Amino acid sequence: MADMSELQISLIAIGFVVVLGVVFFNWMQQRRYRRGAEEAFSQKHEDVLLKAKTDALTTEDERVEPQLGKEILRELRGEPGAESESTEVMEPDLTVAPATAAPDDSPTSDSSTASASSTASASSTASASSTASTRLAASYEQGPVSHGSVVDTVDYIADIRAGTSVADAELAEVLQRKFDFSKPVRWLGQRSLGASWEEITIETIGKGGYINLKGCLQLADRAGPVSEVSLSEFHDMVQNFATRVNAVAECPDVRQAYAHALSLDQFCADVDVMIGINIVSRDNSVFTGAKIQVLAEASGFKLGTNGAFSYRDENNSVLFSLNNHESSPFLPDSMRMVTTHGITFLLDVPRVANGEKIFGEMMHLAGIFSDTLGGIMVDDNHQPLSDSGIGKIKQQLSAIQSMMLARNIPAGSEIALRLFA
């Protein structure tokens, strides 16, 4: 028994030493990764993408002249007749394919796609990027909307003039129906002539005293245009409400509004593009989640519950994201146990102002990640990313944001954030 007791004690001691050894090894590995990340990000790297451009299309003092619809994208890709999808993922090889921005989007067919050197199918692009782009869309939060962002170019606006204060009970009834029309609905109120307009919600309705109202139904979003049926139902609800409160309602023509919704949706489809930069491992090796997390946090990314790292500006607005190139998401609880053969940087073009500058920042960080992880930047066909491919991407980005500006929907503006939520 004494011998057995000594044996047990020896085994316990050996096990304890082994556990301490593993803990120490992991601590040394993490310390080494963190030191390497700090050294990489402490150096000032020259960013060639942010240099002044000599080409007329990309000169800082000039802007790309806007063109209509898909034509400018076809011209830059060299595709005179190819059709784009309603929501596109634009990869560095100029491969364009649909990106699922919402879980309930209806399926779309693959389009013809072009790369800098050859033609590839859209399905290969979508398989690598659609999951990551879905997570990117989920990471954006829809904040409160100011009166200035409610405009008849993107909203069906019904004006209601009561002259006297509208009863809170009547107003509460229409507010409770704001989710009945498949698109966002907002109500604005004015307490006296010439007073500022306030957004009205169930939470703020107790203030009361509104004599004029605006009911605003958004005409389109990433799920498509508002239906003519929803427009008619909203029109009828406003008219009935005005009758009940002895007010006068002025509502735009439903058919004209529906035609405008279709036009707006087509425009949104033309500019709804994501840019993806892939970094894959060499020789089929893997990147560890622990090292990716150290690099990401050292460069300013924050890991969210949506499955991706987000890079935000001083206003907490998402500029771009870092996603797993494979199907599994990056989650806080399991990040250090993840292994992957690649990562993807994603830039949601219509949601970001100063797109060329932000793209340059994203490329700069992608280069640091590629060097530190020992990976290589590739297109969706796993071909090395070329300078000419990057240049064409930047031309497309500039052209898209110029198209949006010409439509009075600047990229990254409050209206753009609503349309591309």
Protein backbone atom coordinates (compact mmCIF):
# COMPACT_ATOMS: atom_id res chain seq x y z
CA MET A 1 0.00 0.00 0.00
CA ALA A 2 2.87 2.31 0.85
CA ASP A 3 4.39 1.63 -2.56
CA MET A 4 1.07 2.37 -4.26
CA SER A 5 0.75 5.61 -2.31
CA GLU A 6 4.20 6.74 -3.41
CA LEU A 7 3.37 5.84 -7.01
CA GLN A 8 0.18 7.85 -6.89
CA ILE A 9 2.00 10.82 -5.42
CA SER A 10 4.62 10.59 -8.17
CA LEU A 11 1.97 10.47 -10.89
CA ILE A 12 0.15 13.46 -9.42
CA ALA A 13 3.41 15.42 -9.26
CA ILE A 14 4.26 14.54 -12.85
CA GLY A 15 0.77 15.56 -14.01
CA PHE A 16 1.03 18.86 -12.18
CA VAL A 17 4.38 19.60 -13.83
CA VAL A 18 2.95 18.77 -17.27
CA VAL A 19 -0.04 21.10 -16.75
CA LEU A 20 2.26 23.91 -15.63
CA GLY A 21 4.43 23.29 -18.68
CA VAL A 22 1.46 23.56 -21.06
CA VAL A 23 0.22 26.76 -19.39
CA PHE A 24 3.70 28.28 -19.57
CA PHE A 25 4.08 27.30 -23.23
CA ASN A 26 0.72 28.88 -24.16
CA TRP A 27 1.65 32.04 -22.26
CA MET A 28 4.97 32.29 -24.11
CA GLN A 29 3.25 31.75 -27.46
CA GLN A 30 0.67 34.48 -26.80
CA ARG A 31 3.40 36.85 -25.57
CA ARG A 32 5.43 36.21 -28.71
CA TYR A 33 2.42 36.83 -30.99
CA ARG A 34 1.52 40.02 -29.15
CA ARG A 35 5.10 41.33 -29.31
CA GLY A 36 5.22 40.58 -33.03
CA ALA A 37 1.92 42.38 -33.58
CA GLU A 38 3.04 45.42 -31.63
CA GLU A 39 6.28 45.60 -33.61
CA ALA A 40 4.38 45.30 -36.90
CA PHE A 41 1.89 48.05 -36.08
CA SER A 42 4.45 50.38 -34.50
CA GLN A 43 6.30 50.76 -37.79
CA LYS A 44 5.26 53.41 -40.26
CA HIS A 45 4.58 51.68 -43.55
CA GLU A 46 4.29 53.68 -46.70
CA ASP A 47 0.81 53.14 -48.14
CA VAL A 48 1.10 53.34 -51.90
CA LEU A 49 -2.68 53.19 -52.24
CA LEU A 50 -3.04 56.58 -50.54
CA LYS A 51 -0.56 58.38 -52.82
CA ALA A 52 -1.83 61.06 -55.17
CA LYS A 53 -3.02 59.58 -58.42
CA THR A 54 -2.08 60.76 -61.87
CA ASP A 55 -4.98 59.14 -63.65
CA ALA A 56 -7.85 61.52 -64.38
CA LEU A 57 -10.45 59.13 -62.98
CA THR A 58 -8.72 58.91 -59.60
CA THR A 59 -7.25 62.39 -59.14
CA GLU A 60 -8.24 63.77 -55.74
CA ASP A 61 -9.21 67.17 -57.13
CA GLU A 62 -11.54 65.66 -59.70
CA ARG A 63 -14.44 63.26 -59.45
CA VAL A 64 -15.61 60.58 -61.81
CA GLU A 65 -18.44 61.92 -63.95
CA PRO A 66 -21.53 59.90 -62.97
CA GLN A 67 -23.19 57.64 -65.50
CA LEU A 68 -26.52 55.86 -65.44
CA GLY A 69 -27.24 52.42 -64.07
CA LYS A 70 -24.88 49.53 -64.78
CA GLU A 71 -23.20 51.13 -67.79
CA ILE A 72 -20.21 52.54 -65.94
CA LEU A 73 -19.58 49.19 -64.23
CA ARG A 74 -19.78 47.35 -67.55
CA GLU A 75 -17.34 49.82 -69.12
CA LEU A 76 -14.77 49.44 -66.32
CA ARG A 77 -15.04 45.64 -66.39
CA GLY A 78 -14.96 45.53 -70.16
CA GLU A 79 -18.34 43.77 -70.30
CA PRO A 80 -20.65 45.56 -72.75
CA GLY A 81 -23.73 43.47 -72.04
CA ALA A 82 -23.35 41.58 -68.79
CA GLU A 83 -26.07 41.96 -66.17
CA SER A 84 -25.30 42.62 -62.51
CA GLU A 85 -27.11 41.19 -59.51
CA SER A 86 -29.27 43.19 -57.14
CA THR A 87 -26.60 42.97 -54.45
CA GLU A 88 -23.01 42.34 -55.50
CA VAL A 89 -19.77 41.22 -53.93
CA MET A 90 -16.85 42.77 -55.82
CA GLU A 91 -13.61 40.89 -55.30
CA PRO A 92 -10.14 42.15 -56.25
CA ASP A 93 -10.15 40.14 -59.48
CA LEU A 94 -13.23 42.16 -60.53
CA THR A 95 -15.43 39.11 -60.02
CA VAL A 96 -18.94 40.34 -59.22
CA ALA A 97 -21.55 38.11 -57.62
CA PRO A 98 -24.58 38.35 -55.33
CA ALA A 99 -24.10 38.85 -51.59
CA THR A 100 -26.93 37.85 -49.28
CA ALA A 101 -27.53 40.93 -47.19
CA ALA A 102 -30.64 39.65 -45.40
CA PRO A 103 -31.76 36.14 -44.48
CA ASP A 104 -35.14 36.55 -46.18
CA ASP A 105 -33.84 37.76 -49.54
CA SER A 106 -35.21 35.80 -52.45
CA PRO A 107 -32.64 33.75 -54.42
CA THR A 108 -31.03 35.32 -57.46
CA SER A 109 -29.45 33.73 -60.47
CA ASP A 110 -25.72 33.83 -61.13
CA SER A 111 -24.50 36.53 -63.50
CA SER A 112 -21.62 36.57 -65.93
CA THR A 113 -18.44 37.71 -64.22
CA ALA A 114 -15.10 39.00 -65.40
CA SER A 115 -11.62 38.97 -63.89
CA ALA A 116 -8.50 40.87 -64.95
CA SER A 117 -7.33 37.92 -66.98
CA SER A 118 -10.25 35.51 -67.48
CA THR A 119 -13.97 34.85 -66.94
CA ALA A 120 -15.15 32.90 -63.88
CA SER A 121 -18.56 31.80 -62.59
CA ALA A 122 -20.37 33.85 -59.95
CA SER A 123 -21.09 30.82 -57.83
CA SER A 124 -17.43 30.40 -56.84
CA THR A 125 -17.37 33.96 -55.56
CA ALA A 126 -20.63 33.71 -53.66
CA SER A 127 -19.63 30.54 -51.83
CA ALA A 128 -16.61 32.21 -50.22
CA SER A 129 -18.07 35.63 -49.49
CA SER A 130 -21.84 35.49 -49.03
CA THR A 131 -21.65 34.22 -45.45
CA ALA A 132 -19.14 36.89 -44.47
CA SER A 133 -21.12 39.66 -46.15
CA THR A 134 -24.26 38.55 -44.31
CA ARG A 135 -22.39 38.93 -41.04
CA LEU A 136 -21.21 42.37 -42.14
CA ALA A 137 -24.77 43.49 -42.81
CA ALA A 138 -25.80 42.18 -39.41
CA SER A 139 -23.08 44.22 -37.69
CA TYR A 140 -24.64 47.55 -38.68
CA GLU A 141 -27.15 49.10 -36.33
CA GLN A 142 -30.04 51.28 -37.48
CA GLY A 143 -29.96 54.42 -35.33
CA PRO A 144 -32.54 57.18 -34.92
CA VAL A 145 -33.39 59.02 -38.13
CA SER A 146 -33.52 62.80 -38.33
CA HIS A 147 -36.24 64.71 -40.14
CA GLY A 148 -33.67 65.79 -42.73
CA SER A 149 -33.19 62.19 -43.87
CA VAL A 150 -36.92 61.69 -44.54
CA VAL A 151 -37.30 62.89 -48.13
CA ASP A 152 -39.71 62.14 -50.94
CA THR A 153 -36.91 60.65 -53.05
CA VAL A 154 -36.78 57.61 -50.75
CA ASP A 155 -40.06 57.86 -48.78
CA TYR A 156 -43.79 57.93 -49.50
CA ILE A 157 -44.73 60.97 -47.38
CA ALA A 158 -48.33 61.65 -46.34
CA ASP A 159 -49.00 65.11 -44.85
CA ILE A 160 -51.73 65.44 -42.22
CA ARG A 161 -52.91 68.88 -41.05
CA ALA A 162 -55.22 68.82 -38.04
CA GLY A 163 -55.12 72.43 -36.84
CA THR A 164 -55.72 71.24 -33.27
CA SER A 165 -53.84 68.78 -31.08
CA VAL A 166 -54.24 65.14 -32.15
CA ALA A 167 -55.31 62.81 -29.35
CA ASP A 168 -52.57 60.50 -28.08
CA ALA A 169 -54.89 57.48 -28.24
CA GLU A 170 -55.55 58.00 -31.96
CA LEU A 171 -51.86 58.54 -32.67
CA ALA A 172 -50.91 55.42 -30.70
CA GLU A 173 -53.14 53.31 -32.94
CA VAL A 174 -51.28 54.24 -36.13
CA LEU A 175 -47.89 53.96 -34.43
CA GLN A 176 -48.70 50.37 -33.50
CA ARG A 177 -49.10 49.58 -37.21
CA LYS A 178 -45.62 50.77 -38.22
CA PHE A 179 -44.49 47.18 -38.90
CA ASP A 180 -47.48 46.25 -41.07
CA PHE A 181 -46.15 47.52 -44.43
CA SER A 182 -42.97 45.44 -45.03
CA LYS A 183 -40.75 48.56 -45.01
CA PRO A 184 -39.73 51.00 -42.26
CA VAL A 185 -42.39 53.56 -41.29
CA ARG A 186 -41.64 56.78 -39.41
CA TRP A 187 -43.98 59.41 -38.02
CA LEU A 188 -43.01 63.05 -37.54
CA GLY A 189 -44.95 65.65 -35.59
CA GLN A 190 -45.08 69.45 -35.38
CA ARG A 191 -46.48 71.16 -32.27
CA SER A 192 -47.09 74.57 -33.88
CA LEU A 193 -46.69 76.24 -37.26
CA GLY A 194 -43.02 76.90 -37.90
CA ALA A 195 -41.88 74.62 -35.08
CA SER A 196 -39.30 71.91 -35.68
CA TRP A 197 -40.42 68.41 -36.64
CA GLU A 198 -39.93 65.63 -34.09
CA GLU A 199 -39.88 61.89 -34.63
CA ILE A 200 -42.79 60.26 -32.79
CA THR A 201 -42.52 56.81 -31.22
CA ILE A 202 -44.60 54.82 -28.76
CA GLU A 203 -42.09 55.81 -26.08
CA THR A 204 -42.38 59.57 -26.76
CA ILE A 205 -46.10 59.78 -27.53
CA GLY A 206 -46.98 60.97 -24.03
CA LYS A 207 -45.70 64.47 -24.81
CA GLY A 208 -48.68 65.03 -27.13
CA GLY A 209 -49.66 68.37 -28.63
CA TYR A 210 -49.00 67.63 -32.32
CA ILE A 211 -51.11 69.61 -34.79
CA ASN A 212 -49.37 68.51 -38.01
CA LEU A 213 -48.07 65.06 -38.86
CA LYS A 214 -46.05 63.32 -41.56
CA GLY A 215 -46.36 59.58 -42.15
CA CYS A 216 -43.30 58.30 -44.03
CA LEU A 217 -43.11 54.84 -45.63
CA GLN A 218 -39.67 53.92 -47.01
CA LEU A 219 -39.86 52.95 -50.69
CA ALA A 220 -37.01 50.42 -50.86
CA ASP A 221 -34.26 48.66 -48.95
CA ARG A 222 -31.90 45.75 -49.54
CA ALA A 223 -34.84 43.33 -49.58
CA GLY A 224 -36.35 45.12 -52.61
CA PRO A 225 -39.01 47.77 -53.36
CA VAL A 226 -42.16 48.33 -51.34
CA SER A 227 -45.15 46.56 -52.89
CA GLU A 228 -48.03 48.44 -54.48
CA VAL A 229 -50.37 46.66 -52.05
CA SER A 230 -48.43 47.99 -49.05
CA LEU A 231 -48.50 51.50 -50.51
CA SER A 232 -52.27 51.28 -50.99
CA GLU A 233 -52.81 50.00 -47.45
CA PHE A 234 -50.65 52.78 -46.01
CA HIS A 235 -52.53 55.37 -48.11
CA ASP A 236 -55.90 54.07 -46.87
CA MET A 237 -54.75 53.96 -43.25
CA VAL A 238 -53.62 57.61 -43.41
CA GLN A 239 -56.90 58.72 -44.99
CA ASN A 240 -58.97 56.87 -42.39
CA PHE A 241 -56.86 58.28 -39.58
CA ALA A 242 -57.28 61.83 -40.91
CA THR A 243 -61.04 61.35 -41.06
CA ARG A 244 -61.18 60.15 -37.45
CA VAL A 245 -59.24 63.16 -36.11
CA ASN A 246 -60.98 65.73 -38.37
CA ALA A 247 -57.77 66.48 -40.25
CA VAL A 248 -56.86 66.96 -43.91
CA ALA A 249 -54.53 64.39 -45.48
CA GLU A 250 -52.47 64.87 -48.64
CA CYS A 251 -51.11 61.62 -50.02
CA PRO A 252 -49.04 61.12 -53.20
CA ASP A 253 -50.48 59.00 -55.99
CA VAL A 254 -49.92 55.32 -55.20
CA ARG A 255 -49.11 54.21 -58.75
CA GLN A 256 -46.58 56.98 -59.28
CA ALA A 257 -45.01 56.20 -55.91
CA TYR A 258 -44.74 52.52 -56.81
CA ALA A 259 -43.06 53.36 -60.13
CA HIS A 260 -40.61 55.54 -58.23
CA ALA A 261 -39.97 52.69 -55.76
CA LEU A 262 -39.06 50.37 -58.65
CA SER A 263 -36.69 52.98 -60.08
CA LEU A 264 -35.07 53.56 -56.69
CA ASP A 265 -34.65 49.82 -56.13
CA GLN A 266 -32.96 49.44 -59.53
CA PHE A 267 -30.53 52.24 -58.70
CA CYS A 268 -29.76 50.65 -55.33
CA ALA A 269 -29.11 47.32 -57.06
CA ASP A 270 -26.60 49.00 -59.38
CA VAL A 271 -24.52 50.45 -56.55
CA ASP A 272 -24.97 47.77 -53.85
CA VAL A 273 -21.44 46.38 -53.96
CA MET A 274 -19.04 44.90 -51.42
CA ILE A 275 -15.28 44.78 -51.91
CA GLY A 276 -13.52 41.72 -50.51
CA ILE A 277 -9.79 41.16 -49.95
CA ASN A 278 -8.80 37.55 -49.21
CA ILE A 279 -5.68 36.43 -47.34
CA VAL A 280 -5.02 32.69 -47.54
CA SER A 281 -2.33 30.52 -45.99
CA ARG A 282 0.58 29.15 -47.96
CA ASP A 283 1.07 25.42 -48.53
CA ASN A 284 -2.31 24.53 -47.00
CA SER A 285 -1.17 25.54 -43.50
CA VAL A 286 -3.61 27.19 -41.09
CA PHE A 287 -3.98 30.50 -39.25
CA THR A 288 -4.76 30.19 -35.55
CA GLY A 289 -7.62 32.13 -34.02
CA ALA A 290 -5.40 33.31 -31.16
CA LYS A 291 -2.93 34.96 -33.54
CA ILE A 292 -5.69 36.49 -35.68
CA GLN A 293 -7.32 37.95 -32.57
CA VAL A 294 -4.06 39.46 -31.30
CA LEU A 295 -3.40 41.07 -34.68
CA ALA A 296 -6.97 42.31 -35.03
CA GLU A 297 -7.12 43.88 -31.58
CA ALA A 298 -3.68 45.46 -32.02
CA SER A 299 -4.88 47.15 -35.22
CA GLY A 300 -8.14 48.49 -33.75
CA PHE A 301 -10.68 45.79 -34.65
CA LYS A 302 -13.29 44.68 -32.13
CA LEU A 303 -14.87 41.24 -32.18
CA GLY A 304 -18.67 41.29 -32.03
CA THR A 305 -21.32 38.66 -31.51
CA ASN A 306 -22.22 38.78 -35.22
CA GLY A 307 -19.26 36.54 -36.13
CA ALA A 308 -16.81 39.16 -37.43
CA PHE A 309 -14.33 41.79 -36.30
CA SER A 310 -15.44 45.39 -37.00
CA TYR A 311 -13.16 48.35 -37.70
CA ARG A 312 -14.97 51.55 -36.68
CA ASP A 313 -14.38 55.30 -36.85
CA GLU A 314 -14.56 57.83 -34.01
CA ASN A 315 -18.37 57.91 -34.33
CA ASN A 316 -18.55 54.12 -33.89
CA SER A 317 -19.63 53.65 -37.52
CA VAL A 318 -18.38 50.46 -39.20
CA LEU A 319 -15.81 51.14 -41.94
CA PHE A 320 -14.99 47.53 -42.85
CA SER A 321 -14.91 44.10 -41.26
CA LEU A 322 -12.63 41.09 -40.88
CA ASN A 323 -14.31 37.72 -41.45
CA ASN A 324 -13.43 34.05 -41.61
CA HIS A 325 -12.88 33.05 -45.24
CA GLU A 326 -14.39 29.69 -44.30
CA SER A 327 -17.98 29.13 -43.22
CA SER A 328 -17.55 29.14 -39.44
CA PRO A 329 -17.91 32.58 -37.76
CA PHE A 330 -15.45 34.29 -35.44
CA LEU A 331 -17.09 34.22 -32.00
CA PRO A 332 -15.68 35.62 -28.73
CA ASP A 333 -16.11 32.38 -26.76
CA SER A 334 -14.34 30.14 -29.28
CA MET A 335 -11.99 32.48 -31.14
CA ARG A 336 -8.78 31.13 -29.59
CA MET A 337 -9.66 27.57 -30.61
CA VAL A 338 -10.38 28.44 -34.26
CA THR A 339 -8.13 27.42 -37.13
CA THR A 340 -8.72 28.59 -40.69
CA HIS A 341 -7.04 28.61 -44.08
CA GLY A 342 -7.98 32.23 -44.80
CA ILE A 343 -9.53 35.52 -43.74
CA THR A 344 -11.50 38.12 -45.71
CA PHE A 345 -11.66 41.91 -45.34
CA LEU A 346 -15.03 43.33 -46.48
CA LEU A 347 -15.93 46.94 -47.37
CA ASP A 348 -19.64 47.77 -47.84
CA VAL A 349 -19.30 50.48 -50.51
CA PRO A 350 -22.64 52.39 -50.25
CA ARG A 351 -22.42 52.58 -46.45
CA VAL A 352 -18.99 54.25 -46.27
CA ALA A 353 -18.10 57.87 -47.05
CA ASN A 354 -14.66 58.62 -48.56
CA GLY A 355 -14.57 55.15 -50.03
CA GLU A 356 -11.15 55.40 -51.69
CA LYS A 357 -9.49 56.52 -48.47
CA ILE A 358 -11.16 53.76 -46.45
CA PHE A 359 -10.25 51.19 -49.10
CA GLY A 360 -6.63 52.35 -48.81
CA GLU A 361 -6.73 51.87 -45.04
CA MET A 362 -8.20 48.40 -45.48
CA MET A 363 -5.54 47.42 -48.02
CA HIS A 364 -2.80 48.74 -45.71
CA LEU A 365 -4.04 46.57 -42.83
CA ALA A 366 -4.52 43.59 -45.14
CA GLY A 367 -0.87 43.89 -46.15
CA ILE A 368 0.24 43.87 -42.51
CA PHE A 369 -1.95 40.85 -41.76
CA SER A 370 -0.58 39.04 -44.81
CA ASP A 371 3.04 39.64 -43.79
CA THR A 372 2.52 38.80 -40.11
CA LEU A 373 0.44 35.67 -40.68
CA GLY A 374 2.67 34.50 -43.50
CA GLY A 375 -0.23 34.47 -45.95
CA ILE A 376 -0.83 35.80 -49.44
CA MET A 377 -3.48 38.20 -50.80
CA VAL A 378 -5.49 36.51 -53.55
CA ASP A 379 -8.62 36.98 -55.61
CA ASP A 380 -11.59 34.61 -55.48
CA ASN A 381 -9.90 32.29 -57.97
CA HIS A 382 -6.96 32.08 -55.53
CA GLN A 383 -4.74 34.00 -57.94
CA PRO A 384 -2.26 36.49 -56.41
CA LEU A 385 -3.69 39.99 -56.19
CA SER A 386 -2.14 42.37 -58.73
CA ASP A 387 -1.62 46.14 -58.64
CA SER A 388 -3.66 46.53 -61.83
CA GLY A 389 -6.55 44.64 -60.26
CA ILE A 390 -6.43 46.91 -57.22
CA GLY A 391 -6.39 49.97 -59.49
CA LYS A 392 -9.51 48.85 -61.34
CA ILE A 393 -11.27 48.14 -58.06
CA LYS A 394 -10.53 51.69 -56.93
CA GLN A 395 -11.90 53.08 -60.20
CA GLN A 396 -15.13 51.15 -59.71
CA LEU A 397 -15.40 52.30 -56.12
CA SER A 398 -14.95 55.94 -57.13
CA ALA A 399 -17.47 55.58 -59.95
CA ILE A 400 -20.11 53.99 -57.70
CA GLN A 401 -19.82 56.68 -55.05
CA SER A 402 -20.01 59.39 -57.73
CA MET A 403 -23.22 57.81 -59.03
CA MET A 404 -24.67 57.94 -55.53
CA LEU A 405 -23.68 61.58 -55.08
CA ALA A 406 -25.34 62.48 -58.39
CA ARG A 407 -28.56 60.85 -57.11
CA ASN A 408 -28.36 62.97 -53.91
CA ILE A 409 -27.73 59.82 -51.86
CA PRO A 410 -24.08 60.23 -50.82
CA ALA A 411 -22.36 57.05 -49.71
CA GLY A 412 -22.28 56.81 -45.93
CA SER A 413 -25.03 59.43 -45.49
CA GLU A 414 -28.03 58.89 -43.24
CA ILE A 415 -30.23 58.19 -46.26
CA ALA A 416 -27.73 55.66 -47.63
CA LEU A 417 -27.56 53.90 -44.26
CA ARG A 418 -31.35 53.55 -44.33
CA LEU A 419 -31.50 52.21 -47.89
CA PHE A 420 -28.64 49.77 -47.38
CA ALA A 421 -29.46 48.64 -43.83
